[in-house]
């Protein structure tokens, strides 16, 4: 995905953004449903299954955002031939994966 201050450059990017937002809204609804389940004292295993589903859905969104980042920001840094920008993009990804492992 591009920087939040930019607009989509192509219909494909706009479609990806729309699909990602749609998924996030669906996940938001799932989380609200889980909150209702807890309020209603639903069976713990049912709640846990729903939590697993939300985690899986978030992982799919994360994968798509990462792909979008590689296809836009990282690719732009490579095409620009700017070693400093390339290093910055690389270090951002390394930092992200380092935090994910913790």
N, C-alpha and C. Protein backbone atom coordinates (compact mmCIF):
# COMPACT_ATOMS: atom_id res chain seq x y z
N UNK A 1 0.84 -1.16 0.00
CA UNK A 1 0.00 0.00 0.00
C UNK A 1 0.89 1.23 0.00
N UNK A 2 0.41 2.26 -0.59
CA UNK A 2 1.21 3.46 -0.66
C UNK A 2 1.07 4.25 0.62
N UNK A 3 1.90 5.27 0.76
CA UNK A 3 1.86 6.17 1.90
C UNK A 3 0.44 6.72 2.03
N UNK A 4 0.00 6.95 3.26
CA UNK A 4 -1.38 7.40 3.48
C UNK A 4 -1.64 8.78 2.90
N UNK A 5 -0.61 9.55 2.61
CA UNK A 5 -0.81 10.88 2.05
C UNK A 5 -0.97 10.83 0.54
N UNK A 6 -0.70 9.69 -0.08
CA UNK A 6 -0.81 9.56 -1.52
C UNK A 6 -2.17 8.98 -1.90
N UNK A 7 -2.55 9.21 -3.14
CA UNK A 7 -3.76 8.58 -3.65
C UNK A 7 -3.36 7.39 -4.50
N UNK A 8 -4.29 6.51 -4.75
CA UNK A 8 -4.00 5.33 -5.56
C UNK A 8 -3.64 5.77 -6.97
N UNK A 9 -2.59 5.15 -7.53
CA UNK A 9 -2.12 5.51 -8.86
C UNK A 9 -2.85 4.75 -9.95
N UNK A 10 -3.43 3.61 -9.62
CA UNK A 10 -4.05 2.79 -10.64
C UNK A 10 -5.34 2.18 -10.10
N UNK A 11 -6.21 1.73 -11.01
CA UNK A 11 -7.43 1.06 -10.55
C UNK A 11 -7.13 -0.19 -9.71
N UNK A 12 -6.04 -0.88 -10.03
CA UNK A 12 -5.67 -2.08 -9.27
C UNK A 12 -5.35 -1.73 -7.83
N UNK A 13 -4.61 -0.63 -7.63
CA UNK A 13 -4.29 -0.21 -6.27
C UNK A 13 -5.54 0.18 -5.50
N UNK A 14 -6.46 0.87 -6.16
CA UNK A 14 -7.71 1.26 -5.51
C UNK A 14 -8.52 0.02 -5.14
N UNK A 15 -8.53 -0.98 -6.01
CA UNK A 15 -9.25 -2.23 -5.74
C UNK A 15 -8.62 -2.95 -4.56
N UNK A 16 -7.28 -3.02 -4.51
CA UNK A 16 -6.59 -3.66 -3.38
C UNK A 16 -6.92 -2.94 -2.08
N UNK A 17 -6.92 -1.62 -2.13
CA UNK A 17 -7.22 -0.84 -0.93
C UNK A 17 -8.65 -1.09 -0.48
N UNK A 18 -9.58 -1.11 -1.42
CA UNK A 18 -10.98 -1.36 -1.10
C UNK A 18 -11.15 -2.75 -0.50
N UNK A 19 -10.50 -3.74 -1.08
CA UNK A 19 -10.59 -5.11 -0.57
C UNK A 19 -10.01 -5.20 0.84
N UNK A 20 -8.89 -4.54 1.07
CA UNK A 20 -8.26 -4.55 2.39
C UNK A 20 -9.17 -3.89 3.42
N UNK A 21 -9.74 -2.75 3.06
CA UNK A 21 -10.65 -2.07 3.97
C UNK A 21 -11.89 -2.91 4.26
N UNK A 22 -12.38 -3.59 3.23
CA UNK A 22 -13.55 -4.46 3.41
C UNK A 22 -13.22 -5.58 4.41
N UNK A 23 -12.06 -6.17 4.26
CA UNK A 23 -11.64 -7.23 5.19
C UNK A 23 -11.53 -6.69 6.62
N UNK A 24 -10.95 -5.50 6.75
CA UNK A 24 -10.79 -4.92 8.09
C UNK A 24 -12.15 -4.63 8.73
N UNK A 25 -13.10 -4.17 7.95
CA UNK A 25 -14.45 -3.92 8.48
C UNK A 25 -15.10 -5.24 8.92
N UNK A 26 -14.87 -6.30 8.15
CA UNK A 26 -15.41 -7.61 8.51
C UNK A 26 -14.78 -8.08 9.83
N UNK A 27 -13.47 -7.88 9.96
CA UNK A 27 -12.77 -8.27 11.20
C UNK A 27 -13.30 -7.46 12.37
N UNK A 28 -13.54 -6.18 12.14
CA UNK A 28 -14.10 -5.33 13.18
C UNK A 28 -15.43 -5.89 13.68
N UNK A 29 -16.25 -6.35 12.76
CA UNK A 29 -17.53 -6.97 13.13
C UNK A 29 -17.32 -8.24 13.92
N UNK A 30 -16.31 -9.03 13.53
CA UNK A 30 -16.02 -10.27 14.26
C UNK A 30 -15.61 -9.95 15.70
N UNK A 31 -14.79 -8.92 15.87
CA UNK A 31 -14.33 -8.55 17.21
C UNK A 31 -15.50 -8.08 18.06
N UNK A 32 -16.41 -7.32 17.49
CA UNK A 32 -17.61 -6.91 18.23
C UNK A 32 -18.44 -8.13 18.64
N UNK A 33 -18.51 -9.10 17.73
CA UNK A 33 -19.24 -10.32 18.05
C UNK A 33 -18.60 -11.08 19.20
N UNK A 34 -17.28 -11.08 19.24
CA UNK A 34 -16.58 -11.75 20.34
C UNK A 34 -16.86 -11.03 21.65
N UNK A 35 -16.88 -9.71 21.62
CA UNK A 35 -17.19 -8.95 22.83
C UNK A 35 -18.59 -9.32 23.33
N UNK A 36 -19.56 -9.44 22.41
CA UNK A 36 -20.92 -9.84 22.81
C UNK A 36 -20.92 -11.25 23.40
N UNK A 37 -20.13 -12.13 22.81
CA UNK A 37 -20.05 -13.50 23.32
C UNK A 37 -19.56 -13.50 24.77
N UNK A 38 -18.57 -12.68 25.04
CA UNK A 38 -18.03 -12.60 26.41
C UNK A 38 -19.06 -12.00 27.35
N UNK A 39 -19.75 -10.94 26.89
CA UNK A 39 -20.81 -10.33 27.70
C UNK A 39 -21.89 -11.34 28.03
N UNK A 40 -22.18 -12.25 27.11
CA UNK A 40 -23.24 -13.24 27.28
C UNK A 40 -22.74 -14.52 27.96
N UNK A 41 -21.50 -14.50 28.43
CA UNK A 41 -20.90 -15.67 29.09
C UNK A 41 -20.97 -16.93 28.24
N UNK A 42 -20.65 -16.78 26.96
CA UNK A 42 -20.64 -17.93 26.05
C UNK A 42 -19.49 -18.87 26.42
N UNK A 43 -19.60 -20.08 25.97
CA UNK A 43 -18.62 -21.13 26.23
C UNK A 43 -17.23 -20.67 25.78
N UNK A 44 -16.27 -20.84 26.66
CA UNK A 44 -14.90 -20.34 26.41
C UNK A 44 -14.31 -20.85 25.10
N UNK A 45 -14.54 -22.11 24.78
CA UNK A 45 -13.97 -22.67 23.56
C UNK A 45 -14.55 -21.99 22.32
N UNK A 46 -15.82 -21.63 22.37
CA UNK A 46 -16.44 -20.91 21.25
C UNK A 46 -15.76 -19.55 21.06
N UNK A 47 -15.49 -18.88 22.17
CA UNK A 47 -14.81 -17.58 22.12
C UNK A 47 -13.40 -17.77 21.55
N UNK A 48 -12.71 -18.79 22.02
CA UNK A 48 -11.35 -19.04 21.55
C UNK A 48 -11.30 -19.35 20.05
N UNK A 49 -12.28 -20.10 19.56
CA UNK A 49 -12.34 -20.38 18.12
C UNK A 49 -12.52 -19.08 17.32
N UNK A 50 -13.36 -18.21 17.83
CA UNK A 50 -13.58 -16.94 17.14
C UNK A 50 -12.33 -16.05 17.20
N UNK A 51 -11.63 -16.09 18.32
CA UNK A 51 -10.37 -15.33 18.43
C UNK A 51 -9.34 -15.85 17.42
N UNK A 52 -9.28 -17.17 17.27
CA UNK A 52 -8.37 -17.75 16.27
C UNK A 52 -8.74 -17.28 14.87
N UNK A 53 -10.04 -17.22 14.59
CA UNK A 53 -10.50 -16.78 13.26
C UNK A 53 -10.09 -15.33 13.00
N UNK A 54 -10.19 -14.48 14.03
CA UNK A 54 -9.80 -13.08 13.88
C UNK A 54 -8.29 -12.98 13.63
N UNK A 55 -7.52 -13.76 14.38
CA UNK A 55 -6.06 -13.73 14.18
C UNK A 55 -5.69 -14.17 12.77
N UNK A 56 -6.35 -15.19 12.26
CA UNK A 56 -6.08 -15.67 10.90
C UNK A 56 -6.46 -14.60 9.88
N UNK A 57 -7.60 -13.94 10.10
CA UNK A 57 -8.04 -12.90 9.17
C UNK A 57 -7.07 -11.72 9.19
N UNK A 58 -6.60 -11.33 10.37
CA UNK A 58 -5.62 -10.25 10.46
C UNK A 58 -4.31 -10.63 9.78
N UNK A 59 -3.92 -11.89 9.90
CA UNK A 59 -2.69 -12.34 9.24
C UNK A 59 -2.82 -12.22 7.73
N UNK A 60 -3.99 -12.51 7.19
CA UNK A 60 -4.21 -12.36 5.74
C UNK A 60 -4.11 -10.90 5.32
N UNK A 61 -4.68 -10.01 6.13
CA UNK A 61 -4.59 -8.57 5.83
C UNK A 61 -3.14 -8.13 5.89
N UNK A 62 -2.43 -8.59 6.91
CA UNK A 62 -1.01 -8.23 7.05
C UNK A 62 -0.21 -8.70 5.84
N UNK A 63 -0.47 -9.91 5.38
CA UNK A 63 0.22 -10.43 4.20
C UNK A 63 -0.04 -9.55 2.98
N UNK A 64 -1.29 -9.13 2.81
CA UNK A 64 -1.63 -8.30 1.65
C UNK A 64 -0.97 -6.93 1.73
N UNK A 65 -0.96 -6.34 2.91
CA UNK A 65 -0.33 -5.02 3.08
C UNK A 65 1.18 -5.14 2.83
N UNK A 66 1.78 -6.23 3.28
CA UNK A 66 3.20 -6.44 3.02
C UNK A 66 3.48 -6.59 1.53
N UNK A 67 2.63 -7.35 0.84
CA UNK A 67 2.79 -7.50 -0.62
C UNK A 67 2.65 -6.15 -1.32
N UNK A 68 1.65 -5.38 -0.89
CA UNK A 68 1.44 -4.05 -1.47
C UNK A 68 2.65 -3.15 -1.23
N UNK A 69 3.21 -3.23 -0.03
CA UNK A 69 4.39 -2.43 0.31
C UNK A 69 5.56 -2.81 -0.59
N UNK A 70 5.77 -4.09 -0.77
CA UNK A 70 6.87 -4.55 -1.62
C UNK A 70 6.66 -4.12 -3.07
N UNK A 71 5.41 -4.17 -3.52
CA UNK A 71 5.11 -3.83 -4.91
C UNK A 71 5.12 -2.33 -5.17
N UNK A 72 5.02 -1.53 -4.11
CA UNK A 72 5.00 -0.09 -4.34
C UNK A 72 6.23 0.58 -3.74
N UNK A 73 6.29 0.69 -2.45
CA UNK A 73 7.37 1.44 -1.79
C UNK A 73 8.75 0.85 -2.06
N UNK A 74 8.88 -0.46 -1.85
CA UNK A 74 10.18 -1.10 -2.05
C UNK A 74 10.57 -1.06 -3.52
N UNK A 75 9.62 -1.35 -4.40
CA UNK A 75 9.91 -1.32 -5.83
C UNK A 75 10.31 0.08 -6.29
N UNK A 76 9.65 1.10 -5.76
CA UNK A 76 10.01 2.48 -6.11
C UNK A 76 11.44 2.81 -5.69
N UNK A 77 11.83 2.36 -4.51
CA UNK A 77 13.19 2.60 -4.03
C UNK A 77 14.21 1.90 -4.93
N UNK A 78 13.88 0.71 -5.38
CA UNK A 78 14.79 -0.04 -6.26
C UNK A 78 14.88 0.65 -7.61
N UNK A 79 13.73 1.00 -8.18
CA UNK A 79 13.72 1.63 -9.50
C UNK A 79 14.38 3.00 -9.49
N UNK A 80 14.30 3.71 -8.38
CA UNK A 80 14.91 5.04 -8.29
C UNK A 80 16.43 4.94 -8.25
N UNK A 81 16.94 3.77 -7.89
CA UNK A 81 18.39 3.59 -7.82
C UNK A 81 19.02 4.34 -6.67
N UNK A 82 18.25 4.68 -5.67
CA UNK A 82 18.74 5.43 -4.51
C UNK A 82 19.14 4.44 -3.42
N UNK A 83 20.45 4.22 -3.24
CA UNK A 83 20.90 3.24 -2.24
C UNK A 83 20.41 3.55 -0.83
N UNK A 84 20.34 4.83 -0.49
CA UNK A 84 19.88 5.21 0.84
C UNK A 84 18.41 4.83 1.04
N UNK A 85 17.59 5.09 0.05
CA UNK A 85 16.17 4.71 0.14
C UNK A 85 16.02 3.20 0.19
N UNK A 86 16.84 2.49 -0.58
CA UNK A 86 16.79 1.03 -0.58
C UNK A 86 17.15 0.48 0.80
N UNK A 87 18.21 1.03 1.39
CA UNK A 87 18.61 0.59 2.73
C UNK A 87 17.52 0.89 3.75
N UNK A 88 16.91 2.07 3.63
CA UNK A 88 15.85 2.45 4.56
C UNK A 88 14.68 1.46 4.47
N UNK A 89 14.26 1.13 3.26
CA UNK A 89 13.17 0.18 3.08
C UNK A 89 13.55 -1.19 3.65
N UNK A 90 14.78 -1.61 3.39
CA UNK A 90 15.25 -2.90 3.89
C UNK A 90 15.25 -2.93 5.42
N UNK A 91 15.78 -1.87 6.04
CA UNK A 91 15.85 -1.83 7.50
C UNK A 91 14.46 -1.75 8.14
N UNK A 92 13.52 -1.07 7.48
CA UNK A 92 12.16 -1.04 8.00
C UNK A 92 11.57 -2.45 8.04
N UNK A 93 11.80 -3.22 6.98
CA UNK A 93 11.28 -4.59 6.95
C UNK A 93 11.95 -5.47 7.99
N UNK A 94 13.27 -5.34 8.13
CA UNK A 94 14.00 -6.12 9.14
C UNK A 94 13.48 -5.79 10.53
N UNK A 95 13.29 -4.50 10.81
CA UNK A 95 12.77 -4.09 12.13
C UNK A 95 11.37 -4.68 12.36
N UNK A 96 10.54 -4.63 11.33
CA UNK A 96 9.19 -5.17 11.46
C UNK A 96 9.21 -6.65 11.80
N UNK A 97 10.02 -7.42 11.05
CA UNK A 97 10.08 -8.86 11.30
C UNK A 97 10.72 -9.16 12.64
N UNK A 98 11.66 -8.33 13.07
CA UNK A 98 12.26 -8.51 14.39
C UNK A 98 11.23 -8.32 15.49
N UNK A 99 10.37 -7.31 15.36
CA UNK A 99 9.31 -7.08 16.35
C UNK A 99 8.28 -8.20 16.34
N UNK A 100 8.00 -8.74 15.18
CA UNK A 100 7.00 -9.82 15.06
C UNK A 100 7.47 -11.08 15.78
N UNK A 101 8.77 -11.30 15.85
CA UNK A 101 9.30 -12.51 16.49
C UNK A 101 9.25 -12.42 18.00
N UNK A 102 9.14 -11.24 18.54
CA UNK A 102 9.16 -11.07 20.01
C UNK A 102 7.89 -11.53 20.64
